[in-house]
Amino acid sequence: MPPSSGLCLLPLSGLLQVGASPKLLNVIDGESLINEESALVIFLALQQFVEGQPLDAGQVVLKVLHLALVGSAIGLGLGFATSFWLAWIFNDPCLEVVLTFGSAYACYFVAEDLAGAAGLLAVVVMGFSMSVLGGRQIMNRIKTEMHTFWE
């Protein structure tokens, strides 16, 4: 499959060297994550068909919708819940890292194993919601440690 844009052929660090803003790099990262997760959702929906189970077009559409919407809803809910919990933690880097790591793992487990949805998509949506709301809850001193852990 051809890349969606010519920018994905360049290393992201190279974009910084030519003067691109960090916000642009975040947008490119987000686009690539959504592209990959969309392909995964379609793959999971068509996997049953490839394995020989009879599926019609309506069942495939329902499967794609279930994987995508339920996974996104779980990620959004756990992202907001984690942001709420982060607001109650004051200046404890270890606890904040453990909370974000545990929440990401729980998000994947709940979506993939309990709800039968796309677990990776749930974690990506959780990360997006955390970047919108949760980033405000993490103290500036701890942001460096959090970024180091998640890199």
C-alpha atoms as a PDB file:
ATOM      1  CA  MET A   1       0.000   0.000   0.000  1.00  0.00           C
ATOM      2  CA  PRO A   2       1.477   3.399  -0.888  1.00  0.00           C
ATOM      3  CA  PRO A   3       2.077   5.887   1.904  1.00  0.00           C
ATOM      4  CA  SER A   4      -0.662   8.431   2.489  1.00  0.00           C
ATOM      5  CA  SER A   5       1.750  11.326   2.146  1.00  0.00           C
ATOM      6  CA  GLY A   6       5.289  11.991   1.085  1.00  0.00           C
ATOM      7  CA  LEU A   7       6.116  13.215   4.591  1.00  0.00           C
ATOM      8  CA  CYS A   8       5.978   9.703   6.005  1.00  0.00           C
ATOM      9  CA  LEU A   9       9.082   8.863   3.985  1.00  0.00           C
ATOM     10  CA  LEU A  10      11.131  11.399   5.932  1.00  0.00           C
ATOM     11  CA  PRO A  11      12.290  10.684   9.460  1.00  0.00           C
ATOM     12  CA  LEU A  12      10.428  12.944  11.848  1.00  0.00           C
ATOM     13  CA  SER A  13      13.685  14.207  13.325  1.00  0.00           C
ATOM     14  CA  GLY A  14      14.608  15.417   9.838  1.00  0.00           C
ATOM     15  CA  LEU A  15      11.501  17.594   9.798  1.00  0.00           C
ATOM     16  CA  LEU A  16      12.693  19.388  12.920  1.00  0.00           C
ATOM     17  CA  GLN A  17      16.024  20.071  11.240  1.00  0.00           C
ATOM     18  CA  VAL A  18      14.315  21.803   8.326  1.00  0.00           C
ATOM     19  CA  GLY A  19      12.309  24.027  10.665  1.00  0.00           C
ATOM     20  CA  ALA A  20       8.976  22.210  11.025  1.00  0.00           C
ATOM     21  CA  SER A  21       7.100  22.976  14.203  1.00  0.00           C
ATOM     22  CA  PRO A  22       6.688  20.342  16.914  1.00  0.00           C
ATOM     23  CA  LYS A  23       2.907  20.718  16.523  1.00  0.00           C
ATOM     24  CA  LEU A  24       3.205  19.536  12.902  1.00  0.00           C
ATOM     25  CA  LEU A  25       5.171  16.498  14.082  1.00  0.00           C
ATOM     26  CA  ASN A  26       2.391  15.675  16.544  1.00  0.00           C
ATOM     27  CA  VAL A  27      -0.208  15.909  13.779  1.00  0.00           C
ATOM     28  CA  ILE A  28       1.842  13.583  11.562  1.00  0.00           C
ATOM     29  CA  ASP A  29       2.275  11.119  14.439  1.00  0.00           C
ATOM     30  CA  GLY A  30      -1.459  11.197  15.129  1.00  0.00           C
ATOM     31  CA  GLU A  31      -2.335  10.682  11.479  1.00  0.00           C
ATOM     32  CA  SER A  32      -0.039   7.686  11.208  1.00  0.00           C
ATOM     33  CA  LEU A  33      -1.510   6.125  14.348  1.00  0.00           C
ATOM     34  CA  ILE A  34      -5.071   6.535  13.076  1.00  0.00           C
ATOM     35  CA  ASN A  35      -4.109   5.146   9.647  1.00  0.00           C
ATOM     36  CA  GLU A  36      -2.519   2.079  11.228  1.00  0.00           C
ATOM     37  CA  GLU A  37      -5.432   1.483  13.574  1.00  0.00           C
ATOM     38  CA  SER A  38      -7.955   1.845  10.739  1.00  0.00           C
ATOM     39  CA  ALA A  39      -6.095  -0.815   8.796  1.00  0.00           C
ATOM     40  CA  LEU A  40      -6.042  -3.045  11.877  1.00  0.00           C
ATOM     41  CA  VAL A  41      -9.804  -2.672  12.384  1.00  0.00           C
ATOM     42  CA  ILE A  42     -10.480  -3.615   8.759  1.00  0.00           C
ATOM     43  CA  PHE A  43      -8.064  -6.544   9.028  1.00  0.00           C
ATOM     44  CA  LEU A  44      -9.769  -7.850  12.168  1.00  0.00           C
ATOM     45  CA  ALA A  45     -13.181  -7.512  10.545  1.00  0.00           C
ATOM     46  CA  LEU A  46     -12.113  -9.434   7.436  1.00  0.00           C
ATOM     47  CA  GLN A  47     -10.085 -12.046   9.313  1.00  0.00           C
ATOM     48  CA  GLN A  48     -13.163 -14.225   9.886  1.00  0.00           C
ATOM     49  CA  PHE A  49     -13.938 -14.146   6.171  1.00  0.00           C
ATOM     50  CA  VAL A  50     -10.413 -15.258   5.296  1.00  0.00           C
ATOM     51  CA  GLU A  51     -10.633 -18.071   7.856  1.00  0.00           C
ATOM     52  CA  GLY A  52     -13.589 -19.464   5.915  1.00  0.00           C
ATOM     53  CA  GLN A  53     -16.523 -18.252   7.973  1.00  0.00           C
ATOM     54  CA  PRO A  54     -19.421 -17.076   5.829  1.00  0.00           C
ATOM     55  CA  LEU A  55     -19.879 -13.310   6.143  1.00  0.00           C
ATOM     56  CA  ASP A  56     -21.994 -10.949   4.122  1.00  0.00           C
ATOM     57  CA  ALA A  57     -21.340  -7.248   3.632  1.00  0.00           C
ATOM     58  CA  GLY A  58     -23.702  -6.244   6.437  1.00  0.00           C
ATOM     59  CA  GLN A  59     -21.881  -8.425   8.956  1.00  0.00           C
ATOM     60  CA  VAL A  60     -18.529  -6.975   7.926  1.00  0.00           C
ATOM     61  CA  VAL A  61     -19.838  -3.424   8.343  1.00  0.00           C
ATOM     62  CA  LEU A  62     -21.285  -4.274  11.765  1.00  0.00           C
ATOM     63  CA  LYS A  63     -17.998  -5.866  12.813  1.00  0.00           C
ATOM     64  CA  VAL A  64     -16.008  -2.799  11.707  1.00  0.00           C
ATOM     65  CA  LEU A  65     -18.419  -0.489  13.541  1.00  0.00           C
ATOM     66  CA  HIS A  66     -18.268  -2.611  16.691  1.00  0.00           C
ATOM     67  CA  LEU A  67     -14.468  -2.771  16.685  1.00  0.00           C
ATOM     68  CA  ALA A  68     -14.057   0.937  16.011  1.00  0.00           C
ATOM     69  CA  LEU A  69     -16.853   2.516  18.036  1.00  0.00           C
ATOM     70  CA  VAL A  70     -16.653   0.327  21.127  1.00  0.00           C
ATOM     71  CA  GLY A  71     -12.853   0.522  21.168  1.00  0.00           C
ATOM     72  CA  SER A  72     -12.958   4.305  20.789  1.00  0.00           C
ATOM     73  CA  ALA A  73     -15.590   4.665  23.516  1.00  0.00           C
ATOM     74  CA  ILE A  74     -13.567   2.571  25.960  1.00  0.00           C
ATOM     75  CA  GLY A  75     -10.419   4.567  25.188  1.00  0.00           C
ATOM     76  CA  LEU A  76     -12.231   7.866  25.587  1.00  0.00           C
ATOM     77  CA  GLY A  77     -13.816   6.812  28.880  1.00  0.00           C
ATOM     78  CA  LEU A  78     -10.599   5.493  30.405  1.00  0.00           C
ATOM     79  CA  GLY A  79      -8.689   8.530  29.126  1.00  0.00           C
ATOM     80  CA  PHE A  80     -11.048  10.900  30.921  1.00  0.00           C
ATOM     81  CA  ALA A  81     -11.056   8.706  34.048  1.00  0.00           C
ATOM     82  CA  THR A  82      -7.254   8.654  34.121  1.00  0.00           C
ATOM     83  CA  SER A  83      -7.150  12.422  33.655  1.00  0.00           C
ATOM     84  CA  PHE A  84      -9.521  12.780  36.595  1.00  0.00           C
ATOM     85  CA  TRP A  85      -7.302  10.545  38.754  1.00  0.00           C
ATOM     86  CA  LEU A  86      -4.201  12.484  37.716  1.00  0.00           C
ATOM     87  CA  ALA A  87      -5.826  15.675  38.988  1.00  0.00           C
ATOM     88  CA  TRP A  88      -5.804  14.229  42.513  1.00  0.00           C
ATOM     89  CA  ILE A  89      -2.124  13.278  42.509  1.00  0.00           C
ATOM     90  CA  PHE A  90       0.239  16.037  43.560  1.00  0.00           C
ATOM     91  CA  ASN A  91       3.906  15.961  42.596  1.00  0.00           C
ATOM     92  CA  ASP A  92       4.447  12.183  42.680  1.00  0.00           C
ATOM     93  CA  PRO A  93       6.208  11.143  39.452  1.00  0.00           C
ATOM     94  CA  CYS A  94       6.272   7.428  40.248  1.00  0.00           C
ATOM     95  CA  LEU A  95       2.555   7.257  40.961  1.00  0.00           C
ATOM     96  CA  GLU A  96       1.687   9.233  37.817  1.00  0.00           C
ATOM     97  CA  VAL A  97       3.802   6.959  35.616  1.00  0.00           C
ATOM     98  CA  VAL A  98       2.305   3.850  37.230  1.00  0.00           C
ATOM     99  CA  LEU A  99      -1.209   5.250  36.776  1.00  0.00           C
ATOM    100  CA  THR A 100      -0.733   6.034  33.093  1.00  0.00           C
ATOM    101  CA  PHE A 101       0.950   2.687  32.404  1.00  0.00           C
ATOM    102  CA  GLY A 102      -1.692   0.718  34.298  1.00  0.00           C
ATOM    103  CA  SER A 103      -4.483   2.636  32.603  1.00  0.00           C
ATOM    104  CA  ALA A 104      -3.070   1.945  29.150  1.00  0.00           C
ATOM    105  CA  TYR A 105      -2.786  -1.768  29.914  1.00  0.00           C
ATOM    106  CA  ALA A 106      -6.274  -1.876  31.453  1.00  0.00           C
ATOM    107  CA  CYS A 107      -7.674  -0.040  28.429  1.00  0.00           C
ATOM    108  CA  TYR A 108      -6.239  -2.634  26.064  1.00  0.00           C
ATOM    109  CA  PHE A 109      -7.433  -5.543  28.207  1.00  0.00           C
ATOM    110  CA  VAL A 110     -10.977  -4.219  28.648  1.00  0.00           C
ATOM    111  CA  ALA A 111     -11.392  -3.406  24.965  1.00  0.00           C
ATOM    112  CA  GLU A 112      -9.724  -6.477  23.477  1.00  0.00           C
ATOM    113  CA  ASP A 113     -10.616  -9.254  25.905  1.00  0.00           C
ATOM    114  CA  LEU A 114     -13.787  -8.116  27.645  1.00  0.00           C
ATOM    115  CA  ALA A 115     -15.572  -6.105  24.944  1.00  0.00           C
ATOM    116  CA  GLY A 116     -14.244  -7.802  21.805  1.00  0.00           C
ATOM    117  CA  ALA A 117     -13.257  -4.447  20.336  1.00  0.00           C
ATOM    118  CA  ALA A 118      -9.996  -3.108  18.902  1.00  0.00           C
ATOM    119  CA  GLY A 119      -7.691  -2.831  21.916  1.00  0.00           C
ATOM    120  CA  LEU A 120      -4.942  -0.902  20.144  1.00  0.00           C
ATOM    121  CA  LEU A 121      -7.454   1.632  18.840  1.00  0.00           C
ATOM    122  CA  ALA A 122      -8.771   2.033  22.386  1.00  0.00           C
ATOM    123  CA  VAL A 123      -5.259   2.768  23.673  1.00  0.00           C
ATOM    124  CA  VAL A 124      -4.613   5.274  20.862  1.00  0.00           C
ATOM    125  CA  VAL A 125      -7.896   7.091  21.597  1.00  0.00           C
ATOM    126  CA  MET A 126      -7.047   7.026  25.294  1.00  0.00           C
ATOM    127  CA  GLY A 127      -3.697   8.642  24.474  1.00  0.00           C
ATOM    128  CA  PHE A 128      -5.385  11.325  22.392  1.00  0.00           C
ATOM    129  CA  SER A 129      -7.893  12.111  25.139  1.00  0.00           C
ATOM    130  CA  MET A 130      -5.087  12.160  27.705  1.00  0.00           C
ATOM    131  CA  SER A 131      -3.129  14.618  25.575  1.00  0.00           C
ATOM    132  CA  VAL A 132      -6.165  16.913  25.426  1.00  0.00           C
ATOM    133  CA  LEU A 133      -7.258  16.752  29.058  1.00  0.00           C
ATOM    134  CA  GLY A 134      -4.678  14.763  31.013  1.00  0.00           C
ATOM    135  CA  GLY A 135      -1.716  16.828  29.893  1.00  0.00           C
ATOM    136  CA  ARG A 136      -3.038  19.700  31.961  1.00  0.00           C
ATOM    137  CA  GLN A 137      -3.093  17.509  35.051  1.00  0.00           C
ATOM    138  CA  ILE A 138       0.588  16.533  34.897  1.00  0.00           C
ATOM    139  CA  MET A 139       2.929  18.989  36.576  1.00  0.00           C
ATOM    140  CA  ASN A 140       5.678  20.523  34.400  1.00  0.00           C
ATOM    141  CA  ARG A 141       8.444  18.972  36.514  1.00  0.00           C
ATOM    142  CA  ILE A 142       6.926  15.532  36.044  1.00  0.00           C
ATOM    143  CA  LYS A 143       6.287  15.937  32.299  1.00  0.00           C
ATOM    144  CA  THR A 144       9.954  15.314  31.545  1.00  0.00           C
ATOM    145  CA  GLU A 145       9.979  12.080  33.526  1.00  0.00           C
ATOM    146  CA  MET A 146       6.664  11.001  31.990  1.00  0.00           C
ATOM    147  CA  HIS A 147       7.928  11.726  28.481  1.00  0.00           C
ATOM    148  CA  THR A 148      11.150   9.811  29.177  1.00  0.00           C
ATOM    149  CA  PHE A 149       9.189   6.784  30.381  1.00  0.00           C
ATOM    150  CA  TRP A 150       6.813   6.711  27.396  1.00  0.00           C
ATOM    151  CA  GLU A 151       9.526   7.296  24.797  1.00  0.00           C
END
